[in-house]
Amino acid sequence: MANTPQSKKRARQMVARTSVNKARRSRIRTFLRKVEEAIASGDKNAASAALQAAQPELMRGVSKGVVHKNTAARKISRLASRVKAIA
């Protein structure tokens, strides 16, 4: 348990940060799930539109430190290739 005033403050800040980061991560997952559902339905237009919406959201997660840059790039790349493969 935190003893010094600084460590108590840090513990409070960590709780606030954790909730914000959790919300950001959840939002990113929602956008990715929409892309996955569009790919599964086979609708290329909907899938590409969902991917266009998901890309900035993922990169925003990178800039906020929720997701690693390479992880986001890998996810975008794999989703883009799957969208492109839809007949």
C-alpha atoms as a PDB file:
ATOM      1  CA  MET A   1       0.000   0.000   0.000  1.00  0.00           C
ATOM      2  CA  ALA A   2       1.124   3.553  -0.738  1.00  0.00           C
ATOM      3  CA  ASN A   3       2.662   5.372   2.224  1.00  0.00           C
ATOM      4  CA  THR A   4       4.095   8.689   1.032  1.00  0.00           C
ATOM      5  CA  PRO A   5       1.857  11.487  -0.260  1.00  0.00           C
ATOM      6  CA  GLN A   6       3.459  11.183  -3.695  1.00  0.00           C
ATOM      7  CA  SER A   7       2.812   7.446  -3.913  1.00  0.00           C
ATOM      8  CA  LYS A   8      -0.782   7.986  -2.777  1.00  0.00           C
ATOM      9  CA  LYS A   9      -1.250  10.540  -5.530  1.00  0.00           C
ATOM     10  CA  ARG A  10       0.351   8.180  -8.041  1.00  0.00           C
ATOM     11  CA  ALA A  11      -2.077   5.436  -6.997  1.00  0.00           C
ATOM     12  CA  ARG A  12      -5.026   7.802  -7.561  1.00  0.00           C
ATOM     13  CA  GLN A  13      -3.670   8.835 -10.949  1.00  0.00           C
ATOM     14  CA  MET A  14      -3.159   5.211 -11.936  1.00  0.00           C
ATOM     15  CA  VAL A  15      -6.826   4.402 -11.234  1.00  0.00           C
ATOM     16  CA  ALA A  16      -7.966   7.301 -13.422  1.00  0.00           C
ATOM     17  CA  ARG A  17      -5.503   6.444 -16.203  1.00  0.00           C
ATOM     18  CA  THR A  18      -6.512   2.778 -16.135  1.00  0.00           C
ATOM     19  CA  SER A  19     -10.186   3.589 -16.630  1.00  0.00           C
ATOM     20  CA  VAL A  20      -9.409   5.950 -19.530  1.00  0.00           C
ATOM     21  CA  ASN A  21      -7.118   3.416 -21.186  1.00  0.00           C
ATOM     22  CA  LYS A  22      -9.674   0.642 -20.703  1.00  0.00           C
ATOM     23  CA  ALA A  23     -12.318   2.765 -22.428  1.00  0.00           C
ATOM     24  CA  ARG A  24      -9.945   3.539 -25.315  1.00  0.00           C
ATOM     25  CA  ARG A  25      -9.016  -0.126 -25.747  1.00  0.00           C
ATOM     26  CA  SER A  26     -12.692  -1.112 -25.709  1.00  0.00           C
ATOM     27  CA  ARG A  27     -13.498   1.522 -28.340  1.00  0.00           C
ATOM     28  CA  ILE A  28     -10.691   0.241 -30.577  1.00  0.00           C
ATOM     29  CA  ARG A  29     -11.928  -3.354 -30.208  1.00  0.00           C
ATOM     30  CA  THR A  30     -15.446  -2.242 -31.179  1.00  0.00           C
ATOM     31  CA  PHE A  31     -14.172  -0.675 -34.400  1.00  0.00           C
ATOM     32  CA  LEU A  32     -12.142  -3.802 -35.197  1.00  0.00           C
ATOM     33  CA  ARG A  33     -15.164  -6.020 -34.530  1.00  0.00           C
ATOM     34  CA  LYS A  34     -17.216  -3.972 -37.002  1.00  0.00           C
ATOM     35  CA  VAL A  35     -14.567  -4.610 -39.658  1.00  0.00           C
ATOM     36  CA  GLU A  36     -14.550  -8.339 -38.839  1.00  0.00           C
ATOM     37  CA  GLU A  37     -18.351  -8.525 -39.101  1.00  0.00           C
ATOM     38  CA  ALA A  38     -18.333  -6.702 -42.429  1.00  0.00           C
ATOM     39  CA  ILE A  39     -15.672  -9.091 -43.758  1.00  0.00           C
ATOM     40  CA  ALA A  40     -17.701 -12.082 -42.539  1.00  0.00           C
ATOM     41  CA  SER A  41     -20.829 -10.782 -44.280  1.00  0.00           C
ATOM     42  CA  GLY A  42     -18.889 -10.519 -47.558  1.00  0.00           C
ATOM     43  CA  ASP A  43     -19.866  -6.900 -48.241  1.00  0.00           C
ATOM     44  CA  LYS A  44     -16.732  -5.281 -49.659  1.00  0.00           C
ATOM     45  CA  ASN A  45     -18.064  -1.712 -49.513  1.00  0.00           C
ATOM     46  CA  ALA A  46     -19.117  -2.024 -45.889  1.00  0.00           C
ATOM     47  CA  ALA A  47     -15.831  -3.722 -44.986  1.00  0.00           C
ATOM     48  CA  SER A  48     -13.709  -1.017 -46.613  1.00  0.00           C
ATOM     49  CA  ALA A  49     -15.794   1.712 -44.978  1.00  0.00           C
ATOM     50  CA  ALA A  50     -15.424   0.033 -41.584  1.00  0.00           C
ATOM     51  CA  LEU A  51     -11.676  -0.296 -42.151  1.00  0.00           C
ATOM     52  CA  GLN A  52     -11.415   3.402 -43.056  1.00  0.00           C
ATOM     53  CA  ALA A  53     -13.174   4.217 -39.769  1.00  0.00           C
ATOM     54  CA  ALA A  54     -11.027   1.807 -37.730  1.00  0.00           C
ATOM     55  CA  GLN A  55      -7.617   2.980 -38.980  1.00  0.00           C
ATOM     56  CA  PRO A  56      -7.568   6.436 -37.336  1.00  0.00           C
ATOM     57  CA  GLU A  57      -9.026   4.950 -34.153  1.00  0.00           C
ATOM     58  CA  LEU A  58      -6.194   2.409 -33.964  1.00  0.00           C
ATOM     59  CA  MET A  59      -3.544   5.038 -34.660  1.00  0.00           C
ATOM     60  CA  ARG A  60      -5.087   7.293 -32.007  1.00  0.00           C
ATOM     61  CA  GLY A  61      -4.587   4.404 -29.603  1.00  0.00           C
ATOM     62  CA  VAL A  62      -0.935   4.339 -30.646  1.00  0.00           C
ATOM     63  CA  SER A  63      -0.477   8.047 -29.990  1.00  0.00           C
ATOM     64  CA  LYS A  64      -2.145   7.704 -26.576  1.00  0.00           C
ATOM     65  CA  GLY A  65       0.096   4.774 -25.644  1.00  0.00           C
ATOM     66  CA  VAL A  66      -2.660   2.162 -25.415  1.00  0.00           C
ATOM     67  CA  VAL A  67      -1.441   0.083 -28.372  1.00  0.00           C
ATOM     68  CA  HIS A  68       2.085  -0.420 -29.705  1.00  0.00           C
ATOM     69  CA  LYS A  69       2.767   1.113 -33.117  1.00  0.00           C
ATOM     70  CA  ASN A  70       3.794  -2.175 -34.745  1.00  0.00           C
ATOM     71  CA  THR A  71       0.758  -3.963 -33.337  1.00  0.00           C
ATOM     72  CA  ALA A  72      -1.580  -1.377 -34.862  1.00  0.00           C
ATOM     73  CA  ALA A  73       0.259  -1.476 -38.193  1.00  0.00           C
ATOM     74  CA  ARG A  74       0.081  -5.283 -38.243  1.00  0.00           C
ATOM     75  CA  LYS A  75      -3.656  -5.305 -37.482  1.00  0.00           C
ATOM     76  CA  ILE A  76      -4.387  -2.695 -40.157  1.00  0.00           C
ATOM     77  CA  SER A  77      -2.271  -4.537 -42.710  1.00  0.00           C
ATOM     78  CA  ARG A  78      -3.929  -7.900 -42.076  1.00  0.00           C
ATOM     79  CA  LEU A  79      -7.430  -6.439 -42.124  1.00  0.00           C
ATOM     80  CA  ALA A  80      -6.694  -4.498 -45.318  1.00  0.00           C
ATOM     81  CA  SER A  81      -5.472  -7.637 -47.084  1.00  0.00           C
ATOM     82  CA  ARG A  82      -8.601  -9.526 -45.964  1.00  0.00           C
ATOM     83  CA  VAL A  83     -10.854  -6.719 -47.188  1.00  0.00           C
ATOM     84  CA  LYS A  84      -9.004  -6.662 -50.496  1.00  0.00           C
ATOM     85  CA  ALA A  85      -9.472 -10.441 -50.871  1.00  0.00           C
ATOM     86  CA  ILE A  86     -13.274 -10.194 -50.743  1.00  0.00           C
ATOM     87  CA  ALA A  87     -14.561 -11.113 -54.194  1.00  0.00           C
END
